[in-house]
Structure formats: structure tokens, C-alpha cells
Amino acid sequence: MATQIQCTSAELPNLMPLLATLTDFTLNVIPAAITTAAQAAQAVVQPAVPAPVVQVAAHVAPVEQSSTVSTTEVMDLFDYASPQSVHDLMERAEIPVVQRGRTNHYDRAKVLALKKLYSETFSLSEASELVGYKNPSGLLLHIGQRRITPTMVAGHMRFRVKDLEQFEKLRGPVRRRW
């Protein structure tokens, strides 16, 4: 979890030595003009009931946080074991990396679209089992003869349900040798 630090632009130079020692943090800097104007307004008018504190911060950081996904979140989403496998997947899918400090982040919309494609399609071995083959070589023969066309998802052959259904119709009944 990233440490969240909020300060004014006047306080920032004093905090720089401390920030140099931290590795994972989010920094919100408020312009000093806004805080001095707010303090002057508070000095003039003192409300009887304390008003809730409104936090004025740069709008860029929260938007970026909500629109990106960290490597660990992608690992959990795709059930991957290592950050390197996530990096390889994102590289194959041509999803650019956004670096923040030492962590990699990826565009949330593109990652979710990739996950949707993965969940809608089957791998070569899964598709082979669905159409009745014991190993993927039987389905590879039909790919070579253009009886079924795979969908490429992040550089890997995947098969849609409608393509498998069409293949089943063209192939006819399965003849098995027992």
C-alpha cells in the first residue's frame, strides 16, 4: 500500500530529504496560494459549527490511479505466478507500461478488454478437448487445412465458441476408434 503524503508547495522543499528515503508513495501538492487564501477566509469568518474539511489536491493523481492496474492486480486477475509473466503478456498484447516509481501499471480498460477476450475464448488444448480430440495435434491438422480459424489473443491461438460450433457442423459426427 502506497503512503499518501499531502503538503503545500511552500512545505515541499522541507520534505524533499524525507521523500528521497521513501520508495512507494503518492504525493499531493496543494498550491500555497490556495491554502493562504483559505486561512485568510477562516480568520475572517469563524462558523459556529465546524465545516467538513475539503481536500484540494491535483486531479491528475486520482484519475491515473483509477485508470490503471498494477502488476500485482493483473497477476491476480489472470492467475499468474510472477510479474515477469505479466510483463510478457502485456508486451504481447501491446499494452504499454506506465511506470510509477518502481512499480509497473497498465491501462485498466485495455487489461479488462484483454481479460474479456481470454474468458470468451479457449486455448488450443481446451478447444481440442471440447471437440473430442485427446491431444491438440488433431485440431492443428484442421487449422492447417483451414477448416477452423483461430483468433489471436496476445500472440496466442485461442478459439471462440462460435468457431468451434461451426467446425463441429462442418466436420460432422466424430468417428472414434476404440
Protein backbone atom coordinates (compact mmCIF):
# COMPACT_ATOMS: atom_id res chain seq x y z
CA MET A 1 0.00 0.00 0.00
CA ALA A 2 1.44 3.34 -1.01
CA THR A 3 1.94 6.02 1.63
CA GLN A 4 -0.13 9.11 0.87
CA ILE A 5 1.52 12.46 1.58
CA GLN A 6 -0.18 15.83 1.22
CA CYS A 7 1.61 19.14 1.60
CA THR A 8 1.64 22.70 0.31
CA SER A 9 4.09 23.94 -2.27
CA ALA A 10 5.74 26.01 0.49
CA GLU A 11 6.33 22.88 2.64
CA LEU A 12 7.62 20.76 -0.25
CA PRO A 13 11.30 21.88 -0.12
CA ASN A 14 11.47 20.92 3.57
CA LEU A 15 10.01 17.46 2.83
CA MET A 16 12.34 16.61 -0.07
CA PRO A 17 15.02 14.88 2.09
CA LEU A 18 12.32 12.72 3.69
CA LEU A 19 10.74 11.89 0.33
CA ALA A 20 14.12 10.76 -1.03
CA THR A 21 14.15 7.91 1.51
CA LEU A 22 10.66 6.62 0.58
CA THR A 23 10.13 4.19 -2.30
CA ASP A 24 6.36 3.81 -2.62
CA PHE A 25 4.30 6.94 -2.00
CA THR A 26 1.65 9.20 -3.52
CA LEU A 27 2.30 12.92 -3.23
CA ASN A 28 -0.45 15.56 -3.42
CA VAL A 29 0.86 19.12 -3.52
CA ILE A 30 -1.53 21.99 -2.86
CA PRO A 31 -0.51 25.41 -4.19
CA ALA A 32 0.42 27.75 -1.32
CA ALA A 33 -1.85 30.50 -2.70
CA ILE A 34 -4.93 28.31 -2.16
CA THR A 35 -4.03 27.50 1.44
CA THR A 36 -3.20 31.11 2.37
CA ALA A 37 -6.48 32.30 0.85
CA ALA A 38 -8.35 29.59 2.76
CA GLN A 39 -6.60 30.53 6.02
CA ALA A 40 -7.42 34.22 5.48
CA ALA A 41 -11.08 33.36 4.87
CA GLN A 42 -11.15 31.24 8.03
CA ALA A 43 -9.66 34.08 10.07
CA VAL A 44 -12.36 36.49 8.89
CA VAL A 45 -15.40 34.23 9.27
CA GLN A 46 -15.48 31.65 12.05
CA PRO A 47 -18.53 29.38 11.64
CA ALA A 48 -20.32 28.20 14.78
CA VAL A 49 -20.34 24.58 13.53
CA PRO A 50 -17.07 23.25 12.13
CA ALA A 51 -17.46 22.60 8.41
CA PRO A 52 -16.11 19.42 6.84
CA VAL A 53 -12.58 19.79 5.52
CA VAL A 54 -12.46 19.94 1.74
CA GLN A 55 -9.28 18.44 0.37
CA VAL A 56 -7.96 20.32 -2.65
CA ALA A 57 -5.39 18.25 -4.50
CA ALA A 58 -4.12 17.78 -8.01
CA HIS A 59 -6.75 15.92 -10.03
CA VAL A 60 -4.19 14.03 -12.10
CA ALA A 61 -3.09 11.51 -9.47
CA PRO A 62 -6.53 10.07 -8.51
CA VAL A 63 -7.57 9.78 -12.16
CA GLU A 64 -4.37 7.91 -13.01
CA GLN A 65 -4.82 5.60 -10.05
CA SER A 66 -8.34 4.66 -11.06
CA SER A 67 -7.49 4.24 -14.73
CA THR A 68 -4.50 1.94 -14.26
CA VAL A 69 -3.91 -1.51 -12.81
CA SER A 70 -0.74 -2.55 -11.01
CA THR A 71 1.24 -5.67 -11.90
CA THR A 72 0.03 -7.49 -8.78
CA GLU A 73 -3.60 -6.76 -9.67
CA VAL A 74 -3.01 -8.16 -13.17
CA MET A 75 -1.33 -11.22 -11.62
CA ASP A 76 -4.45 -11.81 -9.52
CA LEU A 77 -6.78 -11.17 -12.46
CA PHE A 78 -5.06 -13.65 -14.80
CA ASP A 79 -3.89 -16.08 -12.06
CA TYR A 80 -0.24 -15.59 -13.00
CA ALA A 81 2.59 -16.50 -10.63
CA SER A 82 5.26 -13.94 -11.49
CA PRO A 83 5.49 -10.29 -12.52
CA GLN A 84 7.66 -11.32 -15.49
CA SER A 85 4.84 -13.41 -16.96
CA VAL A 86 2.51 -10.40 -16.60
CA HIS A 87 5.08 -8.20 -18.32
CA ASP A 88 5.42 -10.72 -21.17
CA LEU A 89 1.63 -10.94 -21.58
CA MET A 90 1.24 -7.16 -21.69
CA GLU A 91 4.10 -6.91 -24.16
CA ARG A 92 2.45 -9.49 -26.45
CA ALA A 93 -0.90 -7.69 -26.11
CA GLU A 94 0.84 -4.38 -26.91
CA ILE A 95 -0.44 -2.71 -23.75
CA PRO A 96 2.13 -0.04 -22.80
CA VAL A 97 3.57 0.05 -19.31
CA VAL A 98 3.14 3.16 -17.14
CA GLN A 99 5.90 3.30 -14.55
CA ARG A 100 5.33 4.91 -11.18
CA GLY A 101 8.40 4.66 -9.05
CA ARG A 102 9.43 1.02 -9.09
CA THR A 103 6.03 -0.46 -9.91
CA ASN A 104 4.56 -1.05 -13.34
CA HIS A 105 0.99 -0.10 -14.12
CA TYR A 106 -1.16 -0.83 -17.16
CA ASP A 107 -4.25 0.82 -18.66
CA ARG A 108 -7.27 -0.62 -16.83
CA ALA A 109 -9.63 -0.55 -19.84
CA LYS A 110 -7.17 -2.41 -22.07
CA VAL A 111 -6.40 -5.00 -19.38
CA LEU A 112 -10.10 -5.65 -18.76
CA ALA A 113 -10.74 -5.93 -22.52
CA LEU A 114 -7.90 -8.47 -22.74
CA LYS A 115 -9.35 -10.42 -19.80
CA LYS A 116 -12.75 -10.43 -21.51
CA LEU A 117 -11.18 -11.84 -24.69
CA TYR A 118 -9.40 -14.50 -22.64
CA SER A 119 -12.59 -15.53 -20.87
CA GLU A 120 -14.58 -15.66 -24.15
CA THR A 121 -12.04 -17.90 -25.90
CA PHE A 122 -10.43 -21.29 -25.32
CA SER A 123 -6.79 -22.33 -25.56
CA LEU A 124 -5.69 -24.94 -28.11
CA SER A 125 -5.76 -27.78 -25.58
CA GLU A 126 -9.16 -26.72 -24.17
CA ALA A 127 -10.64 -26.43 -27.67
CA SER A 128 -9.22 -29.84 -28.63
CA GLU A 129 -10.91 -31.43 -25.63
CA LEU A 130 -14.20 -29.68 -26.41
CA VAL A 131 -14.33 -31.02 -29.97
CA GLY A 132 -13.36 -34.53 -28.88
CA TYR A 133 -9.62 -34.83 -29.51
CA LYS A 134 -7.33 -36.30 -26.89
CA ASN A 135 -4.42 -34.02 -27.82
CA PRO A 136 -4.05 -30.71 -29.71
CA SER A 137 -2.44 -32.25 -32.82
CA GLY A 138 -5.85 -33.28 -34.20
CA LEU A 139 -7.09 -29.71 -34.12
CA LEU A 140 -3.79 -28.42 -35.53
CA LEU A 141 -4.39 -30.57 -38.63
CA HIS A 142 -7.72 -28.84 -39.24
CA ILE A 143 -6.13 -25.41 -38.70
CA GLY A 144 -3.58 -26.27 -41.39
CA GLN A 145 -6.39 -27.30 -43.75
CA ARG A 146 -8.26 -24.08 -42.90
CA ARG A 147 -11.34 -25.85 -41.57
CA ILE A 148 -11.14 -23.76 -38.42
CA THR A 149 -9.55 -20.35 -37.95
CA PRO A 150 -8.10 -19.45 -34.55
CA THR A 151 -8.36 -16.00 -33.02
CA MET A 152 -5.04 -14.48 -31.99
CA VAL A 153 -5.20 -13.05 -28.46
CA ALA A 154 -1.96 -11.55 -27.14
CA GLY A 155 0.07 -13.59 -29.62
CA HIS A 156 -1.53 -16.93 -28.70
CA MET A 157 -4.00 -19.06 -30.65
CA ARG A 158 -7.40 -19.05 -28.98
CA PHE A 159 -10.76 -20.30 -30.23
CA ARG A 160 -14.19 -18.71 -29.94
CA VAL A 161 -17.25 -20.81 -29.15
CA LYS A 162 -18.95 -19.88 -32.43
CA ASP A 163 -15.86 -21.02 -34.40
CA LEU A 164 -15.87 -24.35 -32.58
CA GLU A 165 -19.60 -24.80 -33.24
CA GLN A 166 -19.09 -24.03 -36.94
CA PHE A 167 -16.21 -26.53 -37.05
CA GLU A 168 -18.41 -29.20 -35.46
CA LYS A 169 -21.09 -28.63 -38.12
CA LEU A 170 -18.56 -28.88 -40.95
CA ARG A 171 -16.80 -31.91 -39.52
CA GLY A 172 -19.91 -33.97 -38.94
CA PRO A 173 -20.13 -36.86 -36.48
CA VAL A 174 -16.92 -37.92 -34.79
CA ARG A 175 -15.64 -41.35 -35.78
CA ARG A 176 -13.78 -42.84 -32.90
CA ARG A 177 -11.70 -45.98 -32.99
CA TRP A 178 -11.94 -47.90 -29.76
